[in-house]
Amino acid sequence: RCFANGTATMKIALQVAGIGDGDEVITT
């Protein structure tokens, strides 16, 4: 699925994965 920008794609990926309040995500 396509989105308005690559920021929206990542935000929606987090939402699809059910990630939210109190969760931790490891990144660089």
PDB file of all heavy atoms in Angstrom:
ATOM      1  N   ARG A   1       0.857  -1.187   0.000  1.00  0.00           N
ATOM      2  CA  ARG A   1       0.000   0.000   0.000  1.00  0.00           C
ATOM      3  C   ARG A   1       0.894   1.239   0.000  1.00  0.00           C
ATOM      4  O   ARG A   1       1.926   1.268   0.663  1.00  0.00           O
ATOM      5  CB  ARG A   1      -0.931   0.017   1.227  1.00  0.00           C
ATOM      6  CG  ARG A   1      -1.967  -1.097   1.229  1.00  0.00           C
ATOM      7  CD  ARG A   1      -2.949  -1.007   0.072  1.00  0.00           C
ATOM      8  NE  ARG A   1      -3.929  -2.088   0.057  1.00  0.00           N
ATOM      9  CZ  ARG A   1      -3.773  -3.243  -0.602  1.00  0.00           C
ATOM     10  NH1 ARG A   1      -2.650  -3.467  -1.280  1.00  0.00           N
ATOM     11  NH2 ARG A   1      -4.718  -4.167  -0.572  1.00  0.00           N
ATOM     12  N   CYS A   2       0.465   2.256  -0.756  1.00  0.00           N
ATOM     13  CA  CYS A   2       1.243   3.492  -0.882  1.00  0.00           C
ATOM     14  C   CYS A   2       0.667   4.598   0.003  1.00  0.00           C
ATOM     15  O   CYS A   2      -0.538   4.610   0.293  1.00  0.00           O
ATOM     16  CB  CYS A   2       1.254   3.964  -2.332  1.00  0.00           C
ATOM     17  SG  CYS A   2       2.242   2.899  -3.394  1.00  0.00           S
ATOM     18  N   PHE A   3       1.541   5.530   0.363  1.00  0.00           N
ATOM     19  CA  PHE A   3       1.175   6.606   1.286  1.00  0.00           C
ATOM     20  C   PHE A   3       1.799   7.921   0.830  1.00  0.00           C
ATOM     21  O   PHE A   3       2.662   7.944  -0.045  1.00  0.00           O
ATOM     22  CB  PHE A   3       1.636   6.250   2.703  1.00  0.00           C
ATOM     23  CG  PHE A   3       1.033   4.964   3.204  1.00  0.00           C
ATOM     24  CD1 PHE A   3       1.645   3.753   2.933  1.00  0.00           C
ATOM     25  CD2 PHE A   3      -0.166   4.959   3.883  1.00  0.00           C
ATOM     26  CE1 PHE A   3       1.073   2.554   3.347  1.00  0.00           C
ATOM     27  CE2 PHE A   3      -0.749   3.766   4.311  1.00  0.00           C
ATOM     28  CZ  PHE A   3      -0.122   2.563   4.041  1.00  0.00           C
ATOM     29  N   ALA A   4       1.367   8.989   1.465  1.00  0.00           N
ATOM     30  CA  ALA A   4       1.785  10.348   1.074  1.00  0.00           C
ATOM     31  C   ALA A   4       3.277  10.584   1.255  1.00  0.00           C
ATOM     32  O   ALA A   4       3.864  11.418   0.582  1.00  0.00           O
ATOM     33  CB  ALA A   4       0.990  11.380   1.870  1.00  0.00           C
ATOM     34  N   ASN A   5       3.898   9.854   2.176  1.00  0.00           N
ATOM     35  CA  ASN A   5       5.334   9.999   2.408  1.00  0.00           C
ATOM     36  C   ASN A   5       5.840   8.801   3.203  1.00  0.00           C
ATOM     37  O   ASN A   5       5.054   8.001   3.706  1.00  0.00           O
ATOM     38  CB  ASN A   5       5.657  11.319   3.134  1.00  0.00           C
ATOM     39  CG  ASN A   5       4.786  11.513   4.363  1.00  0.00           C
ATOM     40  OD1 ASN A   5       4.853  10.732   5.306  1.00  0.00           O
ATOM     41  ND2 ASN A   5       3.943  12.532   4.344  1.00  0.00           N
ATOM     42  N   GLY A   6       7.173   8.699   3.299  1.00  0.00           N
ATOM     43  CA  GLY A   6       7.798   7.591   4.001  1.00  0.00           C
ATOM     44  C   GLY A   6       7.690   7.672   5.515  1.00  0.00           C
ATOM     45  O   GLY A   6       7.964   6.689   6.202  1.00  0.00           O
ATOM     46  N   THR A   7       7.308   8.830   6.024  1.00  0.00           N
ATOM     47  CA  THR A   7       7.040   8.948   7.466  1.00  0.00           C
ATOM     48  C   THR A   7       5.712   8.278   7.797  1.00  0.00           C
ATOM     49  O   THR A   7       5.612   7.514   8.765  1.00  0.00           O
ATOM     50  CB  THR A   7       7.021  10.433   7.899  1.00  0.00           C
ATOM     51  OG1 THR A   7       8.266  11.035   7.535  1.00  0.00           O
ATOM     52  CG2 THR A   7       6.812  10.569   9.390  1.00  0.00           C
ATOM     53  N   ALA A   8       4.709   8.537   6.957  1.00  0.00           N
ATOM     54  CA  ALA A   8       3.392   7.907   7.147  1.00  0.00           C
ATOM     55  C   ALA A   8       3.493   6.385   7.069  1.00  0.00           C
ATOM     56  O   ALA A   8       2.845   5.675   7.845  1.00  0.00           O
ATOM     57  CB  ALA A   8       2.412   8.424   6.103  1.00  0.00           C
ATOM     58  N   THR A   9       4.331   5.879   6.170  1.00  0.00           N
ATOM     59  CA  THR A   9       4.443   4.417   6.042  1.00  0.00           C
ATOM     60  C   THR A   9       4.945   3.793   7.343  1.00  0.00           C
ATOM     61  O   THR A   9       4.464   2.741   7.758  1.00  0.00           O
ATOM     62  CB  THR A   9       5.411   4.011   4.904  1.00  0.00           C
ATOM     63  OG1 THR A   9       6.716   4.482   5.192  1.00  0.00           O
ATOM     64  CG2 THR A   9       4.981   4.534   3.569  1.00  0.00           C
ATOM     65  N   MET A  10       5.901   4.449   7.987  1.00  0.00           N
ATOM     66  CA  MET A  10       6.449   3.902   9.243  1.00  0.00           C
ATOM     67  C   MET A  10       5.461   4.045  10.398  1.00  0.00           C
ATOM     68  O   MET A  10       5.313   3.137  11.213  1.00  0.00           O
ATOM     69  CB  MET A  10       7.767   4.595   9.594  1.00  0.00           C
ATOM     70  CG  MET A  10       8.893   4.227   8.663  1.00  0.00           C
ATOM     71  SD  MET A  10      10.483   4.764   9.310  1.00  0.00           S
ATOM     72  CE  MET A  10      10.285   6.529   9.275  1.00  0.00           C
ATOM     73  N   LYS A  11       4.790   5.184  10.444  1.00  0.00           N
ATOM     74  CA  LYS A  11       3.784   5.401  11.495  1.00  0.00           C
ATOM     75  C   LYS A  11       2.685   4.337  11.378  1.00  0.00           C
ATOM     76  O   LYS A  11       2.282   3.719  12.384  1.00  0.00           O
ATOM     77  CB  LYS A  11       3.187   6.810  11.343  1.00  0.00           C
ATOM     78  CG  LYS A  11       2.053   7.115  12.319  1.00  0.00           C
ATOM     79  CD  LYS A  11       1.314   8.403  11.964  1.00  0.00           C
ATOM     80  CE  LYS A  11       0.451   8.254  10.739  1.00  0.00           C
ATOM     81  NZ  LYS A  11      -0.322   9.464  10.403  1.00  0.00           N
ATOM     82  N   ILE A  12       2.226   4.114  10.165  1.00  0.00           N
ATOM     83  CA  ILE A  12       1.139   3.151   9.957  1.00  0.00           C
ATOM     84  C   ILE A  12       1.629   1.719  10.175  1.00  0.00           C
ATOM     85  O   ILE A  12       0.885   0.885  10.685  1.00  0.00           O
ATOM     86  CB  ILE A  12       0.487   3.397   8.585  1.00  0.00           C
ATOM     87  CG1 ILE A  12      -0.342   4.699   8.684  1.00  0.00           C
ATOM     88  CG2 ILE A  12      -0.384   2.224   8.141  1.00  0.00           C
ATOM     89  CD1 ILE A  12      -0.857   5.257   7.395  1.00  0.00           C
ATOM     90  N   ALA A  13       2.898   1.447   9.869  1.00  0.00           N
ATOM     91  CA  ALA A  13       3.458   0.122  10.178  1.00  0.00           C
ATOM     92  C   ALA A  13       3.395  -0.142  11.684  1.00  0.00           C
ATOM     93  O   ALA A  13       3.011  -1.238  12.118  1.00  0.00           O
ATOM     94  CB  ALA A  13       4.898   0.035   9.687  1.00  0.00           C
ATOM     95  N   LEU A  14       3.752   0.866  12.477  1.00  0.00           N
ATOM     96  CA  LEU A  14       3.670   0.728  13.938  1.00  0.00           C
ATOM     97  C   LEU A  14       2.228   0.496  14.379  1.00  0.00           C
ATOM     98  O   LEU A  14       1.964  -0.346  15.256  1.00  0.00           O
ATOM     99  CB  LEU A  14       4.225   1.988  14.612  1.00  0.00           C
ATOM    100  CG  LEU A  14       5.745   2.182  14.554  1.00  0.00           C
ATOM    101  CD1 LEU A  14       6.112   3.630  14.858  1.00  0.00           C
ATOM    102  CD2 LEU A  14       6.461   1.247  15.526  1.00  0.00           C
ATOM    103  N   GLN A  15       1.290   1.230  13.761  1.00  0.00           N
ATOM    104  CA  GLN A  15      -0.124   1.072  14.120  1.00  0.00           C
ATOM    105  C   GLN A  15      -0.643  -0.310  13.727  1.00  0.00           C
ATOM    106  O   GLN A  15      -1.380  -0.947  14.488  1.00  0.00           O
ATOM    107  CB  GLN A  15      -0.956   2.166  13.440  1.00  0.00           C
ATOM    108  CG  GLN A  15      -0.687   3.561  14.012  1.00  0.00           C
ATOM    109  CD  GLN A  15      -1.437   4.639  13.239  1.00  0.00           C
ATOM    110  OE1 GLN A  15      -1.317   4.745  12.017  1.00  0.00           O
ATOM    111  NE2 GLN A  15      -2.206   5.442  13.949  1.00  0.00           N
ATOM    112  N   VAL A  16      -0.259  -0.782  12.549  1.00  0.00           N
ATOM    113  CA  VAL A  16      -0.675  -2.113  12.098  1.00  0.00           C
ATOM    114  C   VAL A  16      -0.138  -3.182  13.053  1.00  0.00           C
ATOM    115  O   VAL A  16      -0.817  -4.166  13.354  1.00  0.00           O
ATOM    116  CB  VAL A  16      -0.203  -2.367  10.640  1.00  0.00           C
ATOM    117  CG1 VAL A  16      -0.307  -3.846  10.278  1.00  0.00           C
ATOM    118  CG2 VAL A  16      -1.013  -1.524   9.659  1.00  0.00           C
ATOM    119  N   ALA A  17       1.087  -2.965  13.559  1.00  0.00           N
ATOM    120  CA  ALA A  17       1.696  -3.914  14.499  1.00  0.00           C
ATOM    121  C   ALA A  17       1.135  -3.770  15.911  1.00  0.00           C
ATOM    122  O   ALA A  17       1.520  -4.520  16.817  1.00  0.00           O
ATOM    123  CB  ALA A  17       3.211  -3.720  14.514  1.00  0.00           C
ATOM    124  N   GLY A  18       0.240  -2.803  16.113  1.00  0.00           N
ATOM    125  CA  GLY A  18      -0.401  -2.627  17.417  1.00  0.00           C
ATOM    126  C   GLY A  18       0.505  -2.024  18.471  1.00  0.00           C
ATOM    127  O   GLY A  18       0.315  -2.238  19.670  1.00  0.00           O
ATOM    128  N   ILE A  19       1.497  -1.265  18.047  1.00  0.00           N
ATOM    129  CA  ILE A  19       2.454  -0.681  18.997  1.00  0.00           C
ATOM    130  C   ILE A  19       1.973   0.692  19.443  1.00  0.00           C
ATOM    131  O   ILE A  19       1.564   1.512  18.620  1.00  0.00           O
ATOM    132  CB  ILE A  19       3.860  -0.623  18.364  1.00  0.00           C
ATOM    133  CG1 ILE A  19       4.380  -2.061  18.243  1.00  0.00           C
ATOM    134  CG2 ILE A  19       4.827   0.230  19.178  1.00  0.00           C
ATOM    135  CD1 ILE A  19       5.506  -2.253  17.297  1.00  0.00           C
ATOM    136  N   GLY A  20       2.002   0.919  20.767  1.00  0.00           N
ATOM    137  CA  GLY A  20       1.484   2.183  21.296  1.00  0.00           C
ATOM    138  C   GLY A  20       2.012   2.494  22.678  1.00  0.00           C
ATOM    139  O   GLY A  20       3.165   2.187  23.009  1.00  0.00           O
ATOM    140  N   ASP A  21       1.155   3.089  23.500  1.00  0.00           N
ATOM    141  CA  ASP A  21       1.555   3.585  24.820  1.00  0.00           C
ATOM    142  C   ASP A  21       2.310   2.542  25.642  1.00  0.00           C
ATOM    143  O   ASP A  21       1.833   1.415  25.807  1.00  0.00           O
ATOM    144  CB  ASP A  21       0.312   4.027  25.618  1.00  0.00           C
ATOM    145  CG  ASP A  21      -0.282   5.306  25.047  1.00  0.00           C
ATOM    146  OD1 ASP A  21       0.423   5.986  24.279  1.00  0.00           O
ATOM    147  OD2 ASP A  21      -1.447   5.606  25.361  1.00  0.00           O
ATOM    148  N   GLY A  22       3.479   2.954  26.142  1.00  0.00           N
ATOM    149  CA  GLY A  22       4.239   2.104  27.048  1.00  0.00           C
ATOM    150  C   GLY A  22       5.129   1.070  26.378  1.00  0.00           C
ATOM    151  O   GLY A  22       5.923   0.418  27.044  1.00  0.00           O
ATOM    152  N   ASP A  23       4.978   0.902  25.055  1.00  0.00           N
ATOM    153  CA  ASP A  23       5.814  -0.068  24.345  1.00  0.00           C
ATOM    154  C   ASP A  23       7.177   0.543  24.031  1.00  0.00           C
ATOM    155  O   ASP A  23       7.312   1.764  23.946  1.00  0.00           O
ATOM    156  CB  ASP A  23       5.145  -0.509  23.036  1.00  0.00           C
ATOM    157  CG  ASP A  23       3.847  -1.268  23.271  1.00  0.00           C
ATOM    158  OD1 ASP A  23       3.720  -1.907  24.339  1.00  0.00           O
ATOM    159  OD2 ASP A  23       2.960  -1.226  22.399  1.00  0.00           O
ATOM    160  N   GLU A  24       8.168  -0.324  23.837  1.00  0.00           N
ATOM    161  CA  GLU A  24       9.503   0.120  23.442  1.00  0.00           C
ATOM    162  C   GLU A  24       9.855  -0.433  22.066  1.00  0.00           C
ATOM    163  O   GLU A  24       9.506  -1.578  21.745  1.00  0.00           O
ATOM    164  CB  GLU A  24      10.554  -0.338  24.456  1.00  0.00           C
ATOM    165  CG  GLU A  24      10.449   0.376  25.794  1.00  0.00           C
ATOM    166  CD  GLU A  24      11.461  -0.115  26.830  1.00  0.00           C
ATOM    167  OE1 GLU A  24      12.244  -1.042  26.520  1.00  0.00           O
ATOM    168  OE2 GLU A  24      11.439   0.435  27.954  1.00  0.00           O
ATOM    169  N   VAL A  25      10.523   0.405  21.272  1.00  0.00           N
ATOM    170  CA  VAL A  25      10.967  -0.001  19.937  1.00  0.00           C
ATOM    171  C   VAL A  25      12.456   0.301  19.831  1.00  0.00           C
ATOM    172  O   VAL A  25      12.886   1.443  20.035  1.00  0.00           O
ATOM    173  CB  VAL A  25      10.193   0.755  18.833  1.00  0.00           C
ATOM    174  CG1 VAL A  25      10.696   0.347  17.449  1.00  0.00           C
ATOM    175  CG2 VAL A  25       8.692   0.497  18.949  1.00  0.00           C
ATOM    176  N   ILE A  26      13.247  -0.714  19.527  1.00  0.00           N
ATOM    177  CA  ILE A  26      14.695  -0.548  19.402  1.00  0.00           C
ATOM    178  C   ILE A  26      15.034  -0.035  18.007  1.00  0.00           C
ATOM    179  O   ILE A  26      14.552  -0.579  17.002  1.00  0.00           O
ATOM    180  CB  ILE A  26      15.414  -1.879  19.690  1.00  0.00           C
ATOM    181  CG1 ILE A  26      15.250  -2.230  21.172  1.00  0.00           C
ATOM    182  CG2 ILE A  26      16.892  -1.814  19.297  1.00  0.00           C
ATOM    183  CD1 ILE A  26      15.760  -3.597  21.556  1.00  0.00           C
ATOM    184  N   THR A  27      15.858   1.019  17.950  1.00  0.00           N
ATOM    185  CA  THR A  27      16.249   1.572  16.650  1.00  0.00           C
ATOM    186  C   THR A  27      17.650   2.184  16.733  1.00  0.00           C
ATOM    187  O   THR A  27      18.328   2.072  17.753  1.00  0.00           O
ATOM    188  CB  THR A  27      15.189   2.574  16.135  1.00  0.00           C
ATOM    189  OG1 THR A  27      15.465   2.867  14.755  1.00  0.00           O
ATOM    190  CG2 THR A  27      15.164   3.860  16.945  1.00  0.00           C
ATOM    191  N   THR A  28      18.062   2.811  15.642  1.00  0.00           N
ATOM    192  CA  THR A  28      19.402   3.380  15.526  1.00  0.00           C
ATOM    193  C   THR A  28      19.384   4.895  15.721  1.00  0.00           C
ATOM    194  O   THR A  28      18.419   5.548  15.328  1.00  0.00           O
ATOM    195  CB  THR A  28      19.995   3.056  14.140  1.00  0.00           C
ATOM    196  OG1 THR A  28      21.198   3.823  13.945  1.00  0.00           O
ATOM    197  CG2 THR A  28      19.031   3.441  13.017  1.00  0.00           C
TER     198      THR A  28
END
